[in-house]
Each structure stands twice: as C-alpha cells, then as structure tokens.
Amino acid sequence: MSDTPRKWSRAALSDALLRFAAERAMQTREFDRRVADLPADTPGQASLRAALGAAKAWEAAVLWVAWRLRPRTSIDT
C-alpha cells in the first residue's frame, strides 16, 4: 500500500488549516485594533477583551494542529 495518498491529504488539510487560521488571525488583529480605539468607558469592553483572548487562543490551537499535520520530510528521501 502506497503512503502517497495519506501524505497528500495531510498536506492539503494542513495547507487549508494554515490559510484559514492566517485569515482569521488577520481579522482578529484588525478587530483588536478597532477595539483599542474605543473609549475606555465603553460598555462591554471587558467582554470584548475576553472574546479577543479566546479568539487568539483558538487561532493558536488551529495553527498548532496545522503544523502538526504537516507531512514530515526526511533528508534521506
């Protein structure tokens, strides 16, 4: 049984997750900049900060999974 189809599917999934997480990270950073521009007494500021923190943690987890899915390469092959 060939190992190639599994490697290709892992690579494709990893690439898709990396693109998705990168796009989400850019959106989160833009939202973070917008929240930073709000007045300090804005209602819900703490909730916004908590949501941003959760989004950043989620993005980090998706990036970690994407990198772990990357097919390993060897110098010998």
PDB file of N, CA and C in Angstrom:
ATOM      1  N   MET A   1       0.848  -1.184   0.000  1.00  0.00           N
ATOM      2  CA  MET A   1       0.000   0.000   0.000  1.00  0.00           C
ATOM      3  C   MET A   1       0.887   1.239   0.000  1.00  0.00           C
ATOM      4  N   SER A   2       0.563   2.170  -0.852  1.00  0.00           N
ATOM      5  CA  SER A   2       1.365   3.376  -1.001  1.00  0.00           C
ATOM      6  C   SER A   2       1.067   4.375   0.112  1.00  0.00           C
ATOM      7  N   ASP A   3       2.089   5.081   0.503  1.00  0.00           N
ATOM      8  CA  ASP A   3       1.965   6.092   1.561  1.00  0.00           C
ATOM      9  C   ASP A   3       1.596   7.448   0.965  1.00  0.00           C
ATOM     10  N   THR A   4       1.669   7.598  -0.343  1.00  0.00           N
ATOM     11  CA  THR A   4       1.484   8.885  -1.002  1.00  0.00           C
ATOM     12  C   THR A   4       0.104   9.509  -0.780  1.00  0.00           C
ATOM     13  N   PRO A   5      -1.013   8.795  -0.946  1.00  0.00           N
ATOM     14  CA  PRO A   5      -2.316   9.450  -0.758  1.00  0.00           C
ATOM     15  C   PRO A   5      -2.488  10.041   0.639  1.00  0.00           C
ATOM     16  N   ARG A   6      -2.009   9.352   1.655  1.00  0.00           N
ATOM     17  CA  ARG A   6      -2.134   9.878   3.016  1.00  0.00           C
ATOM     18  C   ARG A   6      -1.316  11.156   3.172  1.00  0.00           C
ATOM     19  N   LYS A   7      -0.120  11.182   2.622  1.00  0.00           N
ATOM     20  CA  LYS A   7       0.717  12.383   2.715  1.00  0.00           C
ATOM     21  C   LYS A   7       0.058  13.560   2.013  1.00  0.00           C
ATOM     22  N   TRP A   8      -0.510  13.291   0.832  1.00  0.00           N
ATOM     23  CA  TRP A   8      -1.145  14.368   0.109  1.00  0.00           C
ATOM     24  C   TRP A   8      -2.362  14.892   0.853  1.00  0.00           C
ATOM     25  N   SER A   9      -3.128  14.031   1.456  1.00  0.00           N
ATOM     26  CA  SER A   9      -4.303  14.503   2.180  1.00  0.00           C
ATOM     27  C   SER A   9      -3.895  15.268   3.437  1.00  0.00           C
ATOM     28  N   ARG A  10      -2.848  14.813   4.107  1.00  0.00           N
ATOM     29  CA  ARG A  10      -2.356  15.552   5.278  1.00  0.00           C
ATOM     30  C   ARG A  10      -1.848  16.923   4.863  1.00  0.00           C
ATOM     31  N   ALA A  11      -1.104  16.966   3.766  1.00  0.00           N
ATOM     32  CA  ALA A  11      -0.559  18.243   3.287  1.00  0.00           C
ATOM     33  C   ALA A  11      -1.687  19.200   2.904  1.00  0.00           C
ATOM     34  N   ALA A  12      -2.698  18.684   2.209  1.00  0.00           N
ATOM     35  CA  ALA A  12      -3.814  19.528   1.781  1.00  0.00           C
ATOM     36  C   ALA A  12      -4.585  20.059   2.987  1.00  0.00           C
ATOM     37  N   LEU A  13      -4.837  19.193   3.960  1.00  0.00           N
ATOM     38  CA  LEU A  13      -5.546  19.623   5.162  1.00  0.00           C
ATOM     39  C   LEU A  13      -4.720  20.643   5.936  1.00  0.00           C
ATOM     40  N   SER A  14      -3.437  20.395   6.050  1.00  0.00           N
ATOM     41  CA  SER A  14      -2.555  21.324   6.749  1.00  0.00           C
ATOM     42  C   SER A  14      -2.547  22.692   6.065  1.00  0.00           C
ATOM     43  N   ASP A  15      -2.416  22.683   4.741  1.00  0.00           N
ATOM     44  CA  ASP A  15      -2.421  23.952   3.995  1.00  0.00           C
ATOM     45  C   ASP A  15      -3.727  24.711   4.179  1.00  0.00           C
ATOM     46  N   ALA A  16      -4.830  23.985   4.112  1.00  0.00           N
ATOM     47  CA  ALA A  16      -6.132  24.638   4.277  1.00  0.00           C
ATOM     48  C   ALA A  16      -6.274  25.229   5.680  1.00  0.00           C
ATOM     49  N   LEU A  17      -5.853  24.479   6.695  1.00  0.00           N
ATOM     50  CA  LEU A  17      -5.930  24.996   8.067  1.00  0.00           C
ATOM     51  C   LEU A  17      -5.011  26.201   8.262  1.00  0.00           C
ATOM     52  N   LEU A  18      -3.828  26.150   7.674  1.00  0.00           N
ATOM     53  CA  LEU A  18      -2.910  27.290   7.793  1.00  0.00           C
ATOM     54  C   LEU A  18      -3.492  28.543   7.145  1.00  0.00           C
ATOM     55  N   ARG A  19      -4.064  28.386   5.964  1.00  0.00           N
ATOM     56  CA  ARG A  19      -4.687  29.545   5.299  1.00  0.00           C
ATOM     57  C   ARG A  19      -5.853  30.080   6.119  1.00  0.00           C
ATOM     58  N   PHE A  20      -6.703  29.174   6.600  1.00  0.00           N
ATOM     59  CA  PHE A  20      -7.862  29.575   7.392  1.00  0.00           C
ATOM     60  C   PHE A  20      -7.433  30.320   8.650  1.00  0.00           C
ATOM     61  N   ALA A  21      -6.469  29.754   9.373  1.00  0.00           N
ATOM     62  CA  ALA A  21      -6.004  30.373  10.621  1.00  0.00           C
ATOM     63  C   ALA A  21      -5.332  31.715  10.349  1.00  0.00           C
ATOM     64  N   ALA A  22      -4.582  31.803   9.269  1.00  0.00           N
ATOM     65  CA  ALA A  22      -3.922  33.071   8.940  1.00  0.00           C
ATOM     66  C   ALA A  22      -4.945  34.155   8.628  1.00  0.00           C
ATOM     67  N   GLU A  23      -5.983  33.802   7.858  1.00  0.00           N
ATOM     68  CA  GLU A  23      -7.040  34.772   7.553  1.00  0.00           C
ATOM     69  C   GLU A  23      -7.769  35.203   8.821  1.00  0.00           C
ATOM     70  N   ARG A  24      -8.093  34.238   9.674  1.00  0.00           N
ATOM     71  CA  ARG A  24      -8.772  34.556  10.940  1.00  0.00           C
ATOM     72  C   ARG A  24      -7.884  35.436  11.816  1.00  0.00           C
ATOM     73  N   ALA A  25      -6.604  35.152  11.856  1.00  0.00           N
ATOM     74  CA  ALA A  25      -5.683  35.944  12.674  1.00  0.00           C
ATOM     75  C   ALA A  25      -5.643  37.393  12.187  1.00  0.00           C
ATOM     76  N   MET A  26      -5.646  37.588  10.872  1.00  0.00           N
ATOM     77  CA  MET A  26      -5.646  38.957  10.345  1.00  0.00           C
ATOM     78  C   MET A  26      -6.939  39.680  10.726  1.00  0.00           C
ATOM     79  N   GLN A  27      -8.073  38.974  10.637  1.00  0.00           N
ATOM     80  CA  GLN A  27      -9.347  39.577  11.025  1.00  0.00           C
ATOM     81  C   GLN A  27      -9.377  39.905  12.515  1.00  0.00           C
ATOM     82  N   THR A  28      -8.841  39.016  13.319  1.00  0.00           N
ATOM     83  CA  THR A  28      -8.812  39.243  14.767  1.00  0.00           C
ATOM     84  C   THR A  28      -7.931  40.435  15.107  1.00  0.00           C
ATOM     85  N   ARG A  29      -6.781  40.538  14.452  1.00  0.00           N
ATOM     86  CA  ARG A  29      -5.882  41.674  14.721  1.00  0.00           C
ATOM     87  C   ARG A  29      -6.539  42.984  14.329  1.00  0.00           C
ATOM     88  N   GLU A  30      -7.262  42.992  13.202  1.00  0.00           N
ATOM     89  CA  GLU A  30      -7.972  44.204  12.787  1.00  0.00           C
ATOM     90  C   GLU A  30      -9.050  44.556  13.810  1.00  0.00           C
ATOM     91  N   PHE A  31      -9.799  43.571  14.278  1.00  0.00           N
ATOM     92  CA  PHE A  31     -10.812  43.814  15.298  1.00  0.00           C
ATOM     93  C   PHE A  31     -10.170  44.314  16.590  1.00  0.00           C
ATOM     94  N   ASP A  32      -9.014  43.759  16.932  1.00  0.00           N
ATOM     95  CA  ASP A  32      -8.282  44.187  18.127  1.00  0.00           C
ATOM     96  C   ASP A  32      -7.901  45.667  18.021  1.00  0.00           C
ATOM     97  N   ARG A  33      -7.459  46.079  16.836  1.00  0.00           N
ATOM     98  CA  ARG A  33      -7.120  47.496  16.634  1.00  0.00           C
ATOM     99  C   ARG A  33      -8.349  48.384  16.785  1.00  0.00           C
ATOM    100  N   ARG A  34      -9.487  47.925  16.257  1.00  0.00           N
ATOM    101  CA  ARG A  34     -10.716  48.714  16.378  1.00  0.00           C
ATOM    102  C   ARG A  34     -11.170  48.822  17.833  1.00  0.00           C
ATOM    103  N   VAL A  35     -11.055  47.728  18.582  1.00  0.00           N
ATOM    104  CA  VAL A  35     -11.442  47.745  19.993  1.00  0.00           C
ATOM    105  C   VAL A  35     -10.505  48.662  20.778  1.00  0.00           C
ATOM    106  N   ALA A  36      -9.235  48.665  20.429  1.00  0.00           N
ATOM    107  CA  ALA A  36      -8.271  49.524  21.126  1.00  0.00           C
ATOM    108  C   ALA A  36      -8.605  51.009  20.938  1.00  0.00           C
ATOM    109  N   ASP A  37      -9.251  51.343  19.830  1.00  0.00           N
ATOM    110  CA  ASP A  37      -9.613  52.736  19.561  1.00  0.00           C
ATOM    111  C   ASP A  37     -10.878  53.180  20.297  1.00  0.00           C
ATOM    112  N   LEU A  38     -11.600  52.250  20.900  1.00  0.00           N
ATOM    113  CA  LEU A  38     -12.820  52.606  21.632  1.00  0.00           C
ATOM    114  C   LEU A  38     -12.471  53.309  22.944  1.00  0.00           C
ATOM    115  N   PRO A  39     -13.343  54.190  23.397  1.00  0.00           N
ATOM    116  CA  PRO A  39     -13.112  54.825  24.702  1.00  0.00           C
ATOM    117  C   PRO A  39     -13.078  53.774  25.821  1.00  0.00           C
ATOM    118  N   ALA A  40     -12.308  54.045  26.841  1.00  0.00           N
ATOM    119  CA  ALA A  40     -12.126  53.095  27.946  1.00  0.00           C
ATOM    120  C   ALA A  40     -13.430  52.806  28.691  1.00  0.00           C
ATOM    121  N   ASP A  41     -14.374  53.749  28.675  1.00  0.00           N
ATOM    122  CA  ASP A  41     -15.628  53.545  29.407  1.00  0.00           C
ATOM    123  C   ASP A  41     -16.730  52.911  28.551  1.00  0.00           C
ATOM    124  N   THR A  42     -16.375  52.362  27.403  1.00  0.00           N
ATOM    125  CA  THR A  42     -17.347  51.708  26.529  1.00  0.00           C
ATOM    126  C   THR A  42     -17.929  50.480  27.229  1.00  0.00           C
ATOM    127  N   PRO A  43     -19.258  50.372  27.266  1.00  0.00           N
ATOM    128  CA  PRO A  43     -19.867  49.186  27.893  1.00  0.00           C
ATOM    129  C   PRO A  43     -19.444  47.906  27.156  1.00  0.00           C
ATOM    130  N   GLY A  44     -19.150  46.885  27.915  1.00  0.00           N
ATOM    131  CA  GLY A  44     -18.780  45.605  27.329  1.00  0.00           C
ATOM    132  C   GLY A  44     -17.324  45.481  26.948  1.00  0.00           C
ATOM    133  N   GLN A  45     -16.507  46.442  27.342  1.00  0.00           N
ATOM    134  CA  GLN A  45     -15.079  46.423  26.984  1.00  0.00           C
ATOM    135  C   GLN A  45     -14.404  45.151  27.502  1.00  0.00           C
ATOM    136  N   ALA A  46     -14.709  44.748  28.718  1.00  0.00           N
ATOM    137  CA  ALA A  46     -14.093  43.538  29.285  1.00  0.00           C
ATOM    138  C   ALA A  46     -14.518  42.296  28.512  1.00  0.00           C
ATOM    139  N   SER A  47     -15.773  42.257  28.102  1.00  0.00           N
ATOM    140  CA  SER A  47     -16.260  41.112  27.321  1.00  0.00           C
ATOM    141  C   SER A  47     -15.576  41.048  25.955  1.00  0.00           C
ATOM    142  N   LEU A  48     -15.387  42.204  25.352  1.00  0.00           N
ATOM    143  CA  LEU A  48     -14.683  42.246  24.071  1.00  0.00           C
ATOM    144  C   LEU A  48     -13.261  41.725  24.214  1.00  0.00           C
ATOM    145  N   ARG A  49     -12.587  42.164  25.266  1.00  0.00           N
ATOM    146  CA  ARG A  49     -11.201  41.710  25.507  1.00  0.00           C
ATOM    147  C   ARG A  49     -11.160  40.199  25.749  1.00  0.00           C
ATOM    148  N   ALA A  50     -12.124  39.687  26.487  1.00  0.00           N
ATOM    149  CA  ALA A  50     -12.180  38.244  26.745  1.00  0.00           C
ATOM    150  C   ALA A  50     -12.426  37.477  25.444  1.00  0.00           C
ATOM    151  N   ALA A  51     -13.309  37.992  24.604  1.00  0.00           N
ATOM    152  CA  ALA A  51     -13.588  37.338  23.324  1.00  0.00           C
ATOM    153  C   ALA A  51     -12.362  37.359  22.421  1.00  0.00           C
ATOM    154  N   LEU A  52     -11.644  38.460  22.417  1.00  0.00           N
ATOM    155  CA  LEU A  52     -10.414  38.538  21.625  1.00  0.00           C
ATOM    156  C   LEU A  52      -9.363  37.560  22.135  1.00  0.00           C
ATOM    157  N   GLY A  53      -9.252  37.442  23.426  1.00  0.00           N
ATOM    158  CA  GLY A  53      -8.302  36.485  24.001  1.00  0.00           C
ATOM    159  C   GLY A  53      -8.650  35.054  23.622  1.00  0.00           C
ATOM    160  N   ALA A  54      -9.939  34.735  23.657  1.00  0.00           N
ATOM    161  CA  ALA A  54     -10.381  33.393  23.270  1.00  0.00           C
ATOM    162  C   ALA A  54     -10.128  33.146  21.784  1.00  0.00           C
ATOM    163  N   ALA A  55     -10.371  34.155  20.956  1.00  0.00           N
ATOM    164  CA  ALA A  55     -10.132  34.013  19.520  1.00  0.00           C
ATOM    165  C   ALA A  55      -8.650  33.775  19.240  1.00  0.00           C
ATOM    166  N   LYS A  56      -7.790  34.502  19.926  1.00  0.00           N
ATOM    167  CA  LYS A  56      -6.344  34.327  19.724  1.00  0.00           C
ATOM    168  C   LYS A  56      -5.889  32.939  20.177  1.00  0.00           C
ATOM    169  N   ALA A  57      -6.438  32.446  21.268  1.00  0.00           N
ATOM    170  CA  ALA A  57      -6.092  31.110  21.743  1.00  0.00           C
ATOM    171  C   ALA A  57      -6.579  30.053  20.756  1.00  0.00           C
ATOM    172  N   TRP A  58      -7.775  30.230  20.217  1.00  0.00           N
ATOM    173  CA  TRP A  58      -8.323  29.298  19.239  1.00  0.00           C
ATOM    174  C   TRP A  58      -7.465  29.283  17.974  1.00  0.00           C
ATOM    175  N   GLU A  59      -7.062  30.465  17.513  1.00  0.00           N
ATOM    176  CA  GLU A  59      -6.204  30.546  16.329  1.00  0.00           C
ATOM    177  C   GLU A  59      -4.876  29.843  16.572  1.00  0.00           C
ATOM    178  N   ALA A  60      -4.315  30.022  17.747  1.00  0.00           N
ATOM    179  CA  ALA A  60      -3.050  29.360  18.073  1.00  0.00           C
ATOM    180  C   ALA A  60      -3.220  27.844  18.058  1.00  0.00           C
ATOM    181  N   ALA A  61      -4.355  27.361  18.549  1.00  0.00           N
ATOM    182  CA  ALA A  61      -4.607  25.917  18.550  1.00  0.00           C
ATOM    183  C   ALA A  61      -4.751  25.384  17.123  1.00  0.00           C
ATOM    184  N   VAL A  62      -5.453  26.107  16.272  1.00  0.00           N
ATOM    185  CA  VAL A  62      -5.611  25.682  14.879  1.00  0.00           C
ATOM    186  C   VAL A  62      -4.262  25.687  14.170  1.00  0.00           C
ATOM    187  N   LEU A  63      -3.449  26.703  14.416  1.00  0.00           N
ATOM    188  CA  LEU A  63      -2.114  26.742  13.814  1.00  0.00           C
ATOM    189  C   LEU A  63      -1.260  25.575  14.296  1.00  0.00           C
ATOM    190  N   TRP A  64      -1.361  25.249  15.557  1.00  0.00           N
ATOM    191  CA  TRP A  64      -0.587  24.129  16.096  1.00  0.00           C
ATOM    192  C   TRP A  64      -0.997  22.829  15.413  1.00  0.00           C
ATOM    193  N   VAL A  65      -2.305  22.618  15.280  1.00  0.00           N
ATOM    194  CA  VAL A  65      -2.791  21.402  14.618  1.00  0.00           C
ATOM    195  C   VAL A  65      -2.319  21.374  13.162  1.00  0.00           C
ATOM    196  N   ALA A  66      -2.400  22.508  12.489  1.00  0.00           N
ATOM    197  CA  ALA A  66      -1.973  22.565  11.084  1.00  0.00           C
ATOM    198  C   ALA A  66      -0.501  22.207  10.944  1.00  0.00           C
ATOM    199  N   TRP A  67       0.328  22.727  11.825  1.00  0.00           N
ATOM    200  CA  TRP A  67       1.761  22.405  11.751  1.00  0.00           C
ATOM    201  C   TRP A  67       2.022  20.954  12.117  1.00  0.00           C
ATOM    202  N   ARG A  68       1.266  20.413  13.053  1.00  0.00           N
ATOM    203  CA  ARG A  68       1.447  19.003  13.420  1.00  0.00           C
ATOM    204  C   ARG A  68       1.005  18.072  12.286  1.00  0.00           C
ATOM    205  N   LEU A  69       0.055  18.511  11.467  1.00  0.00           N
ATOM    206  CA  LEU A  69      -0.403  17.704  10.343  1.00  0.00           C
ATOM    207  C   LEU A  69       0.563  17.731   9.159  1.00  0.00           C
ATOM    208  N   ARG A  70       1.465  18.703   9.147  1.00  0.00           N
ATOM    209  CA  ARG A  70       2.408  18.794   8.031  1.00  0.00           C
ATOM    210  C   ARG A  70       3.118  17.468   7.872  1.00  0.00           C
ATOM    211  N   PRO A  71       3.158  16.956   6.646  1.00  0.00           N
ATOM    212  CA  PRO A  71       3.915  15.728   6.437  1.00  0.00           C
ATOM    213  C   PRO A  71       5.394  15.975   6.737  1.00  0.00           C
ATOM    214  N   ARG A  72       5.979  15.020   7.409  1.00  0.00           N
ATOM    215  CA  ARG A  72       7.399  15.142   7.768  1.00  0.00           C
ATOM    216  C   ARG A  72       8.251  14.817   6.560  1.00  0.00           C
ATOM    217  N   THR A  73       9.309  15.553   6.404  1.00  0.00           N
ATOM    218  CA  THR A  73      10.249  15.271   5.331  1.00  0.00           C
ATOM    219  C   THR A  73      11.545  14.779   5.940  1.00  0.00           C
ATOM    220  N   SER A  74      12.227  14.012   5.191  1.00  0.00           N
ATOM    221  CA  SER A  74      13.488  13.452   5.655  1.00  0.00           C
ATOM    222  C   SER A  74      14.588  13.824   4.682  1.00  0.00           C
ATOM    223  N   ILE A  75      15.768  13.995   5.179  1.00  0.00           N
ATOM    224  CA  ILE A  75      16.916  14.311   4.324  1.00  0.00           C
ATOM    225  C   ILE A  75      17.230  13.124   3.423  1.00  0.00           C
ATOM    226  N   ASP A  76      16.952  11.911   3.902  1.00  0.00           N
ATOM    227  CA  ASP A  76      17.267  10.699   3.144  1.00  0.00           C
ATOM    228  C   ASP A  76      16.328  10.461   1.977  1.00  0.00           C
ATOM    229  N   THR A  77      15.151  11.074   1.954  1.00  0.00           N
ATOM    230  CA  THR A  77      14.206  10.781   0.866  1.00  0.00           C
ATOM    231  C   THR A  77      14.192  11.849  -0.165  1.00  0.00           C
TER     232      THR A  77
END
